[in-house]
Amino acid sequence: MKKQGFGQFINIASIGAYSVTPTAAVYCATKYAVRAISEGLRLEVGGDIRVTLISPGVTESELADSISDEEARKGMKEYRRISISPDAIARSILYAMEQPADVDVNEIIVRPTASPN
């Protein structure tokens, strides 16, 4: 990217990069790390290389289907009752990429409209 004089990093974190929830401290720590690495990268590469962090809220996925503990599976399905589609995340990435070369969208948080947090 430096050689060609332009480029863009897109990193995916989570709303967990902004607040810690009970039972999710390690998960949130990894997302905080992605956020810190993204900001460090933005400061280090400078110039015409853009760095964007996308932080999705609850997103539709098959995660609950792979949980073997019945109680945990029910909890995850309830948690994902209000969720956004992966397509919404893809559109946010496209938004960041489509900006003019002199615009660097640093962070986007994408949540379901009905999300309480």
PDB file of N, CA and C in Angstrom:
ATOM      1  N   MET A   1       0.822  -1.195   0.000  1.00  0.00           N
ATOM      2  CA  MET A   1       0.000   0.000   0.000  1.00  0.00           C
ATOM      3  C   MET A   1       0.863   1.254   0.000  1.00  0.00           C
ATOM      4  N   LYS A   2       1.931   1.220   0.786  1.00  0.00           N
ATOM      5  CA  LYS A   2       2.810   2.394   0.805  1.00  0.00           C
ATOM      6  C   LYS A   2       3.446   2.601  -0.564  1.00  0.00           C
ATOM      7  N   LYS A   3       3.843   1.502  -1.212  1.00  0.00           N
ATOM      8  CA  LYS A   3       4.495   1.595  -2.511  1.00  0.00           C
ATOM      9  C   LYS A   3       3.555   2.205  -3.560  1.00  0.00           C
ATOM     10  N   GLN A   4       2.284   1.776  -3.536  1.00  0.00           N
ATOM     11  CA  GLN A   4       1.336   2.309  -4.518  1.00  0.00           C
ATOM     12  C   GLN A   4       0.747   3.649  -4.093  1.00  0.00           C
ATOM     13  N   GLY A   5       0.926   4.020  -2.818  1.00  0.00           N
ATOM     14  CA  GLY A   5       0.502   5.335  -2.358  1.00  0.00           C
ATOM     15  C   GLY A   5      -0.936   5.429  -1.886  1.00  0.00           C
ATOM     16  N   PHE A   6      -1.612   4.313  -1.749  1.00  0.00           N
ATOM     17  CA  PHE A   6      -2.988   4.336  -1.238  1.00  0.00           C
ATOM     18  C   PHE A   6      -3.391   2.932  -0.814  1.00  0.00           C
ATOM     19  N   GLY A   7      -4.488   2.863  -0.094  1.00  0.00           N
ATOM     20  CA  GLY A   7      -5.037   1.591   0.355  1.00  0.00           C
ATOM     21  C   GLY A   7      -5.937   1.805   1.553  1.00  0.00           C
ATOM     22  N   GLN A   8      -6.545   0.721   2.007  1.00  0.00           N
ATOM     23  CA  GLN A   8      -7.444   0.834   3.151  1.00  0.00           C
ATOM     24  C   GLN A   8      -7.479  -0.477   3.922  1.00  0.00           C
ATOM     25  N   PHE A   9      -7.299  -0.367   5.216  1.00  0.00           N
ATOM     26  CA  PHE A   9      -7.488  -1.492   6.115  1.00  0.00           C
ATOM     27  C   PHE A   9      -8.907  -1.414   6.657  1.00  0.00           C
ATOM     28  N   ILE A  10      -9.613  -2.528   6.655  1.00  0.00           N
ATOM     29  CA  ILE A  10     -10.926  -2.626   7.285  1.00  0.00           C
ATOM     30  C   ILE A  10     -10.799  -3.682   8.372  1.00  0.00           C
ATOM     31  N   ASN A  11     -10.946  -3.280   9.619  1.00  0.00           N
ATOM     32  CA  ASN A  11     -10.893  -4.217  10.735  1.00  0.00           C
ATOM     33  C   ASN A  11     -12.285  -4.357  11.338  1.00  0.00           C
ATOM     34  N   ILE A  12     -12.617  -5.554  11.764  1.00  0.00           N
ATOM     35  CA  ILE A  12     -13.927  -5.830  12.356  1.00  0.00           C
ATOM     36  C   ILE A  12     -13.739  -6.108  13.847  1.00  0.00           C
ATOM     37  N   ALA A  13     -14.433  -5.337  14.671  1.00  0.00           N
ATOM     38  CA  ALA A  13     -14.400  -5.561  16.118  1.00  0.00           C
ATOM     39  C   ALA A  13     -15.808  -5.956  16.559  1.00  0.00           C
ATOM     40  N   SER A  14     -16.416  -5.179  17.412  1.00  0.00           N
ATOM     41  CA  SER A  14     -17.739  -5.462  17.968  1.00  0.00           C
ATOM     42  C   SER A  14     -18.108  -4.298  18.874  1.00  0.00           C
ATOM     43  N   ILE A  15     -19.384  -4.195  19.228  1.00  0.00           N
ATOM     44  CA  ILE A  15     -19.738  -3.208  20.239  1.00  0.00           C
ATOM     45  C   ILE A  15     -19.057  -3.559  21.561  1.00  0.00           C
ATOM     46  N   GLY A  16     -18.578  -4.797  21.669  1.00  0.00           N
ATOM     47  CA  GLY A  16     -17.797  -5.208  22.833  1.00  0.00           C
ATOM     48  C   GLY A  16     -16.486  -4.448  22.958  1.00  0.00           C
ATOM     49  N   ALA A  17     -16.104  -3.698  21.936  1.00  0.00           N
ATOM     50  CA  ALA A  17     -14.889  -2.880  21.992  1.00  0.00           C
ATOM     51  C   ALA A  17     -15.135  -1.568  22.731  1.00  0.00           C
ATOM     52  N   TYR A  18     -16.379  -1.321  23.111  1.00  0.00           N
ATOM     53  CA  TYR A  18     -16.748  -0.060  23.750  1.00  0.00           C
ATOM     54  C   TYR A  18     -17.291  -0.228  25.163  1.00  0.00           C
ATOM     55  N   SER A  19     -17.716  -1.442  25.515  1.00  0.00           N
ATOM     56  CA  SER A  19     -18.187  -1.688  26.875  1.00  0.00           C
ATOM     57  C   SER A  19     -18.066  -3.181  27.181  1.00  0.00           C
ATOM     58  N   VAL A  20     -17.820  -3.461  28.439  1.00  0.00           N
ATOM     59  CA  VAL A  20     -17.669  -4.846  28.882  1.00  0.00           C
ATOM     60  C   VAL A  20     -18.988  -5.315  29.491  1.00  0.00           C
ATOM     61  N   THR A  21     -19.390  -6.523  29.141  1.00  0.00           N
ATOM     62  CA  THR A  21     -20.608  -7.093  29.705  1.00  0.00           C
ATOM     63  C   THR A  21     -20.245  -8.308  30.554  1.00  0.00           C
ATOM     64  N   PRO A  22     -21.060  -8.590  31.563  1.00  0.00           N
ATOM     65  CA  PRO A  22     -20.778  -9.753  32.420  1.00  0.00           C
ATOM     66  C   PRO A  22     -20.660 -11.033  31.587  1.00  0.00           C
ATOM     67  N   THR A  23     -19.742 -11.874  31.952  1.00  0.00           N
ATOM     68  CA  THR A  23     -19.415 -13.163  31.307  1.00  0.00           C
ATOM     69  C   THR A  23     -18.721 -13.012  29.960  1.00  0.00           C
ATOM     70  N   ALA A  24     -18.451 -11.787  29.529  1.00  0.00           N
ATOM     71  CA  ALA A  24     -17.834 -11.584  28.214  1.00  0.00           C
ATOM     72  C   ALA A  24     -16.542 -10.781  28.301  1.00  0.00           C
ATOM     73  N   ALA A  25     -15.897 -10.774  29.441  1.00  0.00           N
ATOM     74  CA  ALA A  25     -14.700  -9.936  29.618  1.00  0.00           C
ATOM     75  C   ALA A  25     -13.588 -10.280  28.631  1.00  0.00           C
ATOM     76  N   VAL A  26     -13.325 -11.564  28.431  1.00  0.00           N
ATOM     77  CA  VAL A  26     -12.241 -11.957  27.520  1.00  0.00           C
ATOM     78  C   VAL A  26     -12.610 -11.588  26.083  1.00  0.00           C
ATOM     79  N   TYR A  27     -13.851 -11.868  25.689  1.00  0.00           N
ATOM     80  CA  TYR A  27     -14.320 -11.493  24.351  1.00  0.00           C
ATOM     81  C   TYR A  27     -14.155  -9.986  24.150  1.00  0.00           C
ATOM     82  N   CYS A  28     -14.629  -9.197  25.123  1.00  0.00           N
ATOM     83  CA  CYS A  28     -14.539  -7.747  25.000  1.00  0.00           C
ATOM     84  C   CYS A  28     -13.086  -7.281  24.960  1.00  0.00           C
ATOM     85  N   ALA A  29     -12.227  -7.927  25.710  1.00  0.00           N
ATOM     86  CA  ALA A  29     -10.803  -7.561  25.692  1.00  0.00           C
ATOM     87  C   ALA A  29     -10.215  -7.743  24.299  1.00  0.00           C
ATOM     88  N   THR A  30     -10.585  -8.806  23.611  1.00  0.00           N
ATOM     89  CA  THR A  30     -10.059  -9.011  22.253  1.00  0.00           C
ATOM     90  C   THR A  30     -10.569  -7.926  21.311  1.00  0.00           C
ATOM     91  N   LYS A  31     -11.800  -7.470  21.516  1.00  0.00           N
ATOM     92  CA  LYS A  31     -12.356  -6.425  20.661  1.00  0.00           C
ATOM     93  C   LYS A  31     -11.748  -5.065  20.977  1.00  0.00           C
ATOM     94  N   TYR A  32     -11.484  -4.805  22.267  1.00  0.00           N
ATOM     95  CA  TYR A  32     -10.750  -3.588  22.635  1.00  0.00           C
ATOM     96  C   TYR A  32      -9.380  -3.600  21.955  1.00  0.00           C
ATOM     97  N   ALA A  33      -8.748  -4.767  21.893  1.00  0.00           N
ATOM     98  CA  ALA A  33      -7.433  -4.886  21.252  1.00  0.00           C
ATOM     99  C   ALA A  33      -7.515  -4.542  19.771  1.00  0.00           C
ATOM    100  N   VAL A  34      -8.537  -5.023  19.086  1.00  0.00           N
ATOM    101  CA  VAL A  34      -8.704  -4.701  17.663  1.00  0.00           C
ATOM    102  C   VAL A  34      -8.867  -3.190  17.495  1.00  0.00           C
ATOM    103  N   ARG A  35      -9.603  -2.586  18.402  1.00  0.00           N
ATOM    104  CA  ARG A  35      -9.797  -1.131  18.355  1.00  0.00           C
ATOM    105  C   ARG A  35      -8.471  -0.400  18.543  1.00  0.00           C
ATOM    106  N   ALA A  36      -7.671  -0.819  19.532  1.00  0.00           N
ATOM    107  CA  ALA A  36      -6.386  -0.179  19.796  1.00  0.00           C
ATOM    108  C   ALA A  36      -5.413  -0.387  18.636  1.00  0.00           C
ATOM    109  N   ILE A  37      -5.378  -1.592  18.091  1.00  0.00           N
ATOM    110  CA  ILE A  37      -4.499  -1.879  16.953  1.00  0.00           C
ATOM    111  C   ILE A  37      -4.899  -1.026  15.749  1.00  0.00           C
ATOM    112  N   SER A  38      -6.196  -0.878  15.529  1.00  0.00           N
ATOM    113  CA  SER A  38      -6.668  -0.062  14.398  1.00  0.00           C
ATOM    114  C   SER A  38      -6.235   1.387  14.550  1.00  0.00           C
ATOM    115  N   GLU A  39      -6.379   1.929  15.757  1.00  0.00           N
ATOM    116  CA  GLU A  39      -5.976   3.323  15.984  1.00  0.00           C
ATOM    117  C   GLU A  39      -4.465   3.475  15.858  1.00  0.00           C
ATOM    118  N   GLY A  40      -3.716   2.520  16.393  1.00  0.00           N
ATOM    119  CA  GLY A  40      -2.264   2.563  16.250  1.00  0.00           C
ATOM    120  C   GLY A  40      -1.836   2.487  14.796  1.00  0.00           C
ATOM    121  N   LEU A  41      -2.479   1.616  14.042  1.00  0.00           N
ATOM    122  CA  LEU A  41      -2.173   1.473  12.619  1.00  0.00           C
ATOM    123  C   LEU A  41      -2.468   2.774  11.880  1.00  0.00           C
ATOM    124  N   ARG A  42      -3.613   3.391  12.193  1.00  0.00           N
ATOM    125  CA  ARG A  42      -3.972   4.659  11.548  1.00  0.00           C
ATOM    126  C   ARG A  42      -2.899   5.711  11.800  1.00  0.00           C
ATOM    127  N   LEU A  43      -2.413   5.780  13.033  1.00  0.00           N
ATOM    128  CA  LEU A  43      -1.387   6.766  13.375  1.00  0.00           C
ATOM    129  C   LEU A  43      -0.042   6.450  12.733  1.00  0.00           C
ATOM    130  N   GLU A  44       0.267   5.178  12.590  1.00  0.00           N
ATOM    131  CA  GLU A  44       1.564   4.777  12.046  1.00  0.00           C
ATOM    132  C   GLU A  44       1.640   4.875  10.531  1.00  0.00           C
ATOM    133  N   VAL A  45       0.586   4.473   9.814  1.00  0.00           N
ATOM    134  CA  VAL A  45       0.680   4.458   8.353  1.00  0.00           C
ATOM    135  C   VAL A  45       0.495   5.837   7.757  1.00  0.00           C
ATOM    136  N   GLY A  46      -0.383   6.645   8.367  1.00  0.00           N
ATOM    137  CA  GLY A  46      -0.585   8.011   7.907  1.00  0.00           C
ATOM    138  C   GLY A  46      -0.762   8.146   6.404  1.00  0.00           C
ATOM    139  N   GLY A  47      -0.658   9.355   5.925  1.00  0.00           N
ATOM    140  CA  GLY A  47      -0.710   9.619   4.486  1.00  0.00           C
ATOM    141  C   GLY A  47      -1.996   9.183   3.819  1.00  0.00           C
ATOM    142  N   ASP A  48      -1.869   8.465   2.728  1.00  0.00           N
ATOM    143  CA  ASP A  48      -3.021   8.104   1.911  1.00  0.00           C
ATOM    144  C   ASP A  48      -3.571   6.712   2.196  1.00  0.00           C
ATOM    145  N   ILE A  49      -3.142   6.097   3.291  1.00  0.00           N
ATOM    146  CA  ILE A  49      -3.662   4.771   3.653  1.00  0.00           C
ATOM    147  C   ILE A  49      -4.698   4.958   4.756  1.00  0.00           C
ATOM    148  N   ARG A  50      -5.897   4.480   4.478  1.00  0.00           N
ATOM    149  CA  ARG A  50      -6.997   4.663   5.418  1.00  0.00           C
ATOM    150  C   ARG A  50      -7.163   3.429   6.308  1.00  0.00           C
ATOM    151  N   VAL A  51      -7.680   3.647   7.513  1.00  0.00           N
ATOM    152  CA  VAL A  51      -7.940   2.560   8.456  1.00  0.00           C
ATOM    153  C   VAL A  51      -9.338   2.758   9.012  1.00  0.00           C
ATOM    154  N   THR A  52     -10.173   1.743   8.842  1.00  0.00           N
ATOM    155  CA  THR A  52     -11.556   1.809   9.308  1.00  0.00           C
ATOM    156  C   THR A  52     -11.840   0.640  10.229  1.00  0.00           C
ATOM    157  N   LEU A  53     -12.472   0.939  11.351  1.00  0.00           N
ATOM    158  CA  LEU A  53     -12.907  -0.075  12.298  1.00  0.00           C
ATOM    159  C   LEU A  53     -14.426  -0.169  12.233  1.00  0.00           C
ATOM    160  N   ILE A  54     -14.928  -1.353  11.938  1.00  0.00           N
ATOM    161  CA  ILE A  54     -16.366  -1.612  11.918  1.00  0.00           C
ATOM    162  C   ILE A  54     -16.702  -2.399  13.179  1.00  0.00           C
ATOM    163  N   SER A  55     -17.661  -1.905  13.961  1.00  0.00           N
ATOM    164  CA  SER A  55     -18.037  -2.567  15.210  1.00  0.00           C
ATOM    165  C   SER A  55     -19.522  -2.915  15.181  1.00  0.00           C
ATOM    166  N   PRO A  56     -19.818  -4.152  14.783  1.00  0.00           N
ATOM    167  CA  PRO A  56     -21.221  -4.567  14.717  1.00  0.00           C
ATOM    168  C   PRO A  56     -21.819  -4.827  16.093  1.00  0.00           C
ATOM    169  N   GLY A  57     -23.108  -4.544  16.190  1.00  0.00           N
ATOM    170  CA  GLY A  57     -23.882  -4.998  17.335  1.00  0.00           C
ATOM    171  C   GLY A  57     -24.309  -6.429  17.067  1.00  0.00           C
ATOM    172  N   VAL A  58     -25.388  -6.841  17.685  1.00  0.00           N
ATOM    173  CA  VAL A  58     -25.854  -8.221  17.549  1.00  0.00           C
ATOM    174  C   VAL A  58     -26.210  -8.479  16.086  1.00  0.00           C
ATOM    175  N   THR A  59     -25.587  -9.502  15.521  1.00  0.00           N
ATOM    176  CA  THR A  59     -25.741  -9.829  14.110  1.00  0.00           C
ATOM    177  C   THR A  59     -26.221 -11.263  13.959  1.00  0.00           C
ATOM    178  N   GLU A  60     -27.107 -11.477  12.992  1.00  0.00           N
ATOM    179  CA  GLU A  60     -27.617 -12.831  12.726  1.00  0.00           C
ATOM    180  C   GLU A  60     -26.459 -13.777  12.432  1.00  0.00           C
ATOM    181  N   SER A  61     -26.512 -14.956  13.042  1.00  0.00           N
ATOM    182  CA  SER A  61     -25.525 -15.989  12.736  1.00  0.00           C
ATOM    183  C   SER A  61     -26.042 -17.328  13.242  1.00  0.00           C
ATOM    184  N   GLU A  62     -25.302 -18.370  12.923  1.00  0.00           N
ATOM    185  CA  GLU A  62     -25.656 -19.729  13.341  1.00  0.00           C
ATOM    186  C   GLU A  62     -24.949 -20.120  14.633  1.00  0.00           C
ATOM    187  N   LEU A  63     -24.369 -19.161  15.340  1.00  0.00           N
ATOM    188  CA  LEU A  63     -23.597 -19.451  16.544  1.00  0.00           C
ATOM    189  C   LEU A  63     -24.394 -20.284  17.556  1.00  0.00           C
ATOM    190  N   ALA A  64     -25.635 -19.928  17.809  1.00  0.00           N
ATOM    191  CA  ALA A  64     -26.426 -20.649  18.820  1.00  0.00           C
ATOM    192  C   ALA A  64     -26.577 -22.126  18.474  1.00  0.00           C
ATOM    193  N   ASP A  65     -26.604 -22.450  17.194  1.00  0.00           N
ATOM    194  CA  ASP A  65     -26.773 -23.845  16.783  1.00  0.00           C
ATOM    195  C   ASP A  65     -25.583 -24.714  17.174  1.00  0.00           C
ATOM    196  N   SER A  66     -24.429 -24.113  17.407  1.00  0.00           N
ATOM    197  CA  SER A  66     -23.234 -24.890  17.731  1.00  0.00           C
ATOM    198  C   SER A  66     -22.985 -25.004  19.236  1.00  0.00           C
ATOM    199  N   ILE A  67     -23.828 -24.410  20.045  1.00  0.00           N
ATOM    200  CA  ILE A  67     -23.662 -24.452  21.502  1.00  0.00           C
ATOM    201  C   ILE A  67     -24.303 -25.719  22.037  1.00  0.00           C
ATOM    202  N   SER A  68     -23.518 -26.542  22.707  1.00  0.00           N
ATOM    203  CA  SER A  68     -24.036 -27.831  23.184  1.00  0.00           C
ATOM    204  C   SER A  68     -24.824 -27.712  24.488  1.00  0.00           C
ATOM    205  N   ASP A  69     -24.521 -26.729  25.321  1.00  0.00           N
ATOM    206  CA  ASP A  69     -25.247 -26.541  26.576  1.00  0.00           C
ATOM    207  C   ASP A  69     -26.620 -25.934  26.274  1.00  0.00           C
ATOM    208  N   GLU A  70     -27.666 -26.657  26.632  1.00  0.00           N
ATOM    209  CA  GLU A  70     -29.039 -26.236  26.306  1.00  0.00           C
ATOM    210  C   GLU A  70     -29.368 -24.847  26.856  1.00  0.00           C
ATOM    211  N   GLU A  71     -29.007 -24.612  28.103  1.00  0.00           N
ATOM    212  CA  GLU A  71     -29.299 -23.314  28.736  1.00  0.00           C
ATOM    213  C   GLU A  71     -28.578 -22.181  28.001  1.00  0.00           C
ATOM    214  N   ALA A  72     -27.312 -22.386  27.697  1.00  0.00           N
ATOM    215  CA  ALA A  72     -26.534 -21.369  26.984  1.00  0.00           C
ATOM    216  C   ALA A  72     -27.073 -21.154  25.572  1.00  0.00           C
ATOM    217  N   ARG A  73     -27.487 -22.242  24.910  1.00  0.00           N
ATOM    218  CA  ARG A  73     -28.046 -22.130  23.552  1.00  0.00           C
ATOM    219  C   ARG A  73     -29.317 -21.282  23.582  1.00  0.00           C
ATOM    220  N   LYS A  74     -30.198 -21.539  24.553  1.00  0.00           N
ATOM    221  CA  LYS A  74     -31.429 -20.748  24.675  1.00  0.00           C
ATOM    222  C   LYS A  74     -31.106 -19.283  24.938  1.00  0.00           C
ATOM    223  N   GLY A  75     -30.123 -19.044  25.803  1.00  0.00           N
ATOM    224  CA  GLY A  75     -29.720 -17.675  26.104  1.00  0.00           C
ATOM    225  C   GLY A  75     -29.204 -16.947  24.882  1.00  0.00           C
ATOM    226  N   MET A  76     -28.406 -17.632  24.072  1.00  0.00           N
ATOM    227  CA  MET A  76     -27.858 -17.017  22.860  1.00  0.00           C
ATOM    228  C   MET A  76     -28.965 -16.744  21.846  1.00  0.00           C
ATOM    229  N   LYS A  77     -29.898 -17.670  21.714  1.00  0.00           N
ATOM    230  CA  LYS A  77     -31.010 -17.443  20.772  1.00  0.00           C
ATOM    231  C   LYS A  77     -31.850 -16.245  21.213  1.00  0.00           C
ATOM    232  N   GLU A  78     -32.065 -16.114  22.511  1.00  0.00           N
ATOM    233  CA  GLU A  78     -32.823 -14.967  23.026  1.00  0.00           C
ATOM    234  C   GLU A  78     -32.038 -13.677  22.789  1.00  0.00           C
ATOM    235  N   TYR A  79     -30.722 -13.717  23.033  1.00  0.00           N
ATOM    236  CA  TYR A  79     -29.868 -12.551  22.830  1.00  0.00           C
ATOM    237  C   TYR A  79     -29.916 -12.090  21.372  1.00  0.00           C
ATOM    238  N   ARG A  80     -29.963 -13.037  20.454  1.00  0.00           N
ATOM    239  CA  ARG A  80     -29.959 -12.712  19.025  1.00  0.00           C
ATOM    240  C   ARG A  80     -31.357 -12.511  18.451  1.00  0.00           C
ATOM    241  N   ARG A  81     -32.361 -12.496  19.314  1.00  0.00           N
ATOM    242  CA  ARG A  81     -33.738 -12.268  18.866  1.00  0.00           C
ATOM    243  C   ARG A  81     -33.843 -10.927  18.130  1.00  0.00           C
ATOM    244  N   ILE A  82     -33.143  -9.924  18.636  1.00  0.00           N
ATOM    245  CA  ILE A  82     -33.067  -8.614  17.974  1.00  0.00           C
ATOM    246  C   ILE A  82     -31.674  -8.528  17.359  1.00  0.00           C
ATOM    247  N   SER A  83     -31.597  -8.659  16.053  1.00  0.00           N
ATOM    248  CA  SER A  83     -30.287  -8.646  15.400  1.00  0.00           C
ATOM    249  C   SER A  83     -30.401  -8.020  14.015  1.00  0.00           C
ATOM    250  N   ILE A  84     -29.244  -7.698  13.470  1.00  0.00           N
ATOM    251  CA  ILE A  84     -29.193  -7.163  12.111  1.00  0.00           C
ATOM    252  C   ILE A  84     -28.586  -8.224  11.196  1.00  0.00           C
ATOM    253  N   SER A  85     -28.798  -8.071   9.930  1.00  0.00           N
ATOM    254  CA  SER A  85     -28.287  -9.038   8.961  1.00  0.00           C
ATOM    255  C   SER A  85     -26.812  -8.768   8.670  1.00  0.00           C
ATOM    256  N   PRO A  86     -26.073  -9.804   8.276  1.00  0.00           N
ATOM    257  CA  PRO A  86     -24.685  -9.588   7.851  1.00  0.00           C
ATOM    258  C   PRO A  86     -24.592  -8.585   6.699  1.00  0.00           C
ATOM    259  N   ASP A  87     -25.649  -8.499   5.892  1.00  0.00           N
ATOM    260  CA  ASP A  87     -25.679  -7.545   4.784  1.00  0.00           C
ATOM    261  C   ASP A  87     -25.554  -6.099   5.283  1.00  0.00           C
ATOM    262  N   ALA A  88     -26.112  -5.819   6.456  1.00  0.00           N
ATOM    263  CA  ALA A  88     -26.000  -4.466   7.022  1.00  0.00           C
ATOM    264  C   ALA A  88     -24.538  -4.134   7.312  1.00  0.00           C
ATOM    265  N   ILE A  89     -23.797  -5.113   7.776  1.00  0.00           N
ATOM    266  CA  ILE A  89     -22.377  -4.897   8.045  1.00  0.00           C
ATOM    267  C   ILE A  89     -21.619  -4.691   6.734  1.00  0.00           C
ATOM    268  N   ALA A  90     -21.950  -5.492   5.736  1.00  0.00           N
ATOM    269  CA  ALA A  90     -21.310  -5.343   4.417  1.00  0.00           C
ATOM    270  C   ALA A  90     -21.564  -3.948   3.852  1.00  0.00           C
ATOM    271  N   ARG A  91     -22.780  -3.430   4.020  1.00  0.00           N
ATOM    272  CA  ARG A  91     -23.090  -2.084   3.521  1.00  0.00           C
ATOM    273  C   ARG A  91     -22.287  -1.015   4.251  1.00  0.00           C
ATOM    274  N   SER A  92     -22.039  -1.217   5.552  1.00  0.00           N
ATOM    275  CA  SER A  92     -21.237  -0.230   6.291  1.00  0.00           C
ATOM    276  C   SER A  92     -19.790  -0.235   5.801  1.00  0.00           C
ATOM    277  N   ILE A  93     -19.280  -1.408   5.471  1.00  0.00           N
ATOM    278  CA  ILE A  93     -17.924  -1.516   4.920  1.00  0.00           C
ATOM    279  C   ILE A  93     -17.866  -0.801   3.566  1.00  0.00           C
ATOM    280  N   LEU A  94     -18.847  -1.061   2.742  1.00  0.00           N
ATOM    281  CA  LEU A  94     -18.899  -0.420   1.432  1.00  0.00           C
ATOM    282  C   LEU A  94     -18.973   1.102   1.572  1.00  0.00           C
ATOM    283  N   TYR A  95     -19.759   1.576   2.525  1.00  0.00           N
ATOM    284  CA  TYR A  95     -19.853   3.018   2.778  1.00  0.00           C
ATOM    285  C   TYR A  95     -18.467   3.609   3.046  1.00  0.00           C
ATOM    286  N   ALA A  96     -17.725   2.976   3.936  1.00  0.00           N
ATOM    287  CA  ALA A  96     -16.386   3.484   4.277  1.00  0.00           C
ATOM    288  C   ALA A  96     -15.467   3.470   3.059  1.00  0.00           C
ATOM    289  N   MET A  97     -15.549   2.425   2.265  1.00  0.00           N
ATOM    290  CA  MET A  97     -14.670   2.301   1.101  1.00  0.00           C
ATOM    291  C   MET A  97     -15.014   3.273  -0.011  1.00  0.00           C
ATOM    292  N   GLU A  98     -16.280   3.667  -0.112  1.00  0.00           N
ATOM    293  CA  GLU A  98     -16.720   4.532  -1.214  1.00  0.00           C
ATOM    294  C   GLU A  98     -16.451   6.017  -0.979  1.00  0.00           C
ATOM    295  N   GLN A  99     -15.929   6.380   0.176  1.00  0.00           N
ATOM    296  CA  GLN A  99     -15.676   7.795   0.446  1.00  0.00           C
ATOM    297  C   GLN A  99     -14.533   8.308  -0.430  1.00  0.00           C
ATOM    298  N   PRO A 100     -14.514   9.607  -0.686  1.00  0.00           N
ATOM    299  CA  PRO A 100     -13.422  10.172  -1.481  1.00  0.00           C
ATOM    300  C   PRO A 100     -12.070   9.878  -0.835  1.00  0.00           C
ATOM    301  N   ALA A 101     -11.028   9.898  -1.617  1.00  0.00           N
ATOM    302  CA  ALA A 101      -9.688   9.543  -1.152  1.00  0.00           C
ATOM    303  C   ALA A 101      -9.212  10.395   0.020  1.00  0.00           C
ATOM    304  N   ASP A 102      -9.733  11.608   0.142  1.00  0.00           N
ATOM    305  CA  ASP A 102      -9.290  12.472   1.239  1.00  0.00           C
ATOM    306  C   ASP A 102     -10.136  12.330   2.502  1.00  0.00           C
ATOM    307  N   VAL A 103     -11.022  11.314   2.529  1.00  0.00           N
ATOM    308  CA  VAL A 103     -11.884  11.074   3.686  1.00  0.00           C
ATOM    309  C   VAL A 103     -11.563   9.701   4.256  1.00  0.00           C
ATOM    310  N   ASP A 104     -11.267   9.672   5.552  1.00  0.00           N
ATOM    311  CA  ASP A 104     -10.987   8.422   6.245  1.00  0.00           C
ATOM    312  C   ASP A 104     -12.045   8.235   7.324  1.00  0.00           C
ATOM    313  N   VAL A 105     -12.978   7.339   7.088  1.00  0.00           N
ATOM    314  CA  VAL A 105     -13.986   7.013   8.091  1.00  0.00           C
ATOM    315  C   VAL A 105     -13.308   6.069   9.078  1.00  0.00           C
ATOM    316  N   ASN A 106     -13.001   6.561  10.265  1.00  0.00           N
ATOM    317  CA  ASN A 106     -12.216   5.785  11.220  1.00  0.00           C
ATOM    318  C   ASN A 106     -13.008   4.700  11.937  1.00  0.00           C
ATOM    319  N   GLU A 107     -14.231   5.009  12.362  1.00  0.00           N
ATOM    320  CA  GLU A 107     -15.008   4.034  13.121  1.00  0.00           C
ATOM    321  C   GLU A 107     -16.474   4.094  12.736  1.00  0.00           C
ATOM    322  N   ILE A 108     -17.077   2.913  12.640  1.00  0.00           N
ATOM    323  CA  ILE A 108     -18.516   2.803  12.413  1.00  0.00           C
ATOM    324  C   ILE A 108     -19.050   1.770  13.393  1.00  0.00           C
ATOM    325  N   ILE A 109     -20.052   2.165  14.179  1.00  0.00           N
ATOM    326  CA  ILE A 109     -20.758   1.235  15.053  1.00  0.00           C
ATOM    327  C   ILE A 109     -22.109   0.989  14.408  1.00  0.00           C
ATOM    328  N   VAL A 110     -22.444  -0.283  14.197  1.00  0.00           N
ATOM    329  CA  VAL A 110     -23.696  -0.652  13.531  1.00  0.00           C
ATOM    330  C   VAL A 110     -24.497  -1.520  14.493  1.00  0.00           C
ATOM    331  N   ARG A 111     -25.631  -1.007  14.941  1.00  0.00           N
ATOM    332  CA  ARG A 111     -26.473  -1.731  15.893  1.00  0.00           C
ATOM    333  C   ARG A 111     -27.880  -1.916  15.322  1.00  0.00           C
ATOM    334  N   PRO A 112     -28.580  -2.955  15.800  1.00  0.00           N
ATOM    335  CA  PRO A 112     -30.003  -3.055  15.473  1.00  0.00           C
ATOM    336  C   PRO A 112     -30.726  -1.839  16.049  1.00  0.00           C
ATOM    337  N   THR A 113     -31.689  -1.314  15.346  1.00  0.00           N
ATOM    338  CA  THR A 113     -32.424  -0.143  15.819  1.00  0.00           C
ATOM    339  C   THR A 113     -33.032  -0.392  17.178  1.00  0.00           C
ATOM    340  N   ALA A 114     -33.549  -1.589  17.422  1.00  0.00           N
ATOM    341  CA  ALA A 114     -34.217  -1.922  18.684  1.00  0.00           C
ATOM    342  C   ALA A 114     -33.258  -2.338  19.795  1.00  0.00           C
ATOM    343  N   SER A 115     -31.962  -2.248  19.566  1.00  0.00           N
ATOM    344  CA  SER A 115     -30.973  -2.695  20.552  1.00  0.00           C
ATOM    345  C   SER A 115     -30.993  -1.802  21.793  1.00  0.00           C
ATOM    346  N   PRO A 116     -31.089  -2.412  22.977  1.00  0.00           N
ATOM    347  CA  PRO A 116     -31.093  -1.598  24.196  1.00  0.00           C
ATOM    348  C   PRO A 116     -29.697  -1.092  24.580  1.00  0.00           C
ATOM    349  N   ASN A 117     -28.643  -1.692  24.019  1.00  0.00           N
ATOM    350  CA  ASN A 117     -27.283  -1.236  24.374  1.00  0.00           C
ATOM    351  C   ASN A 117     -26.438  -0.979  23.165  1.00  0.00           C
TER     352      ASN A 117
END
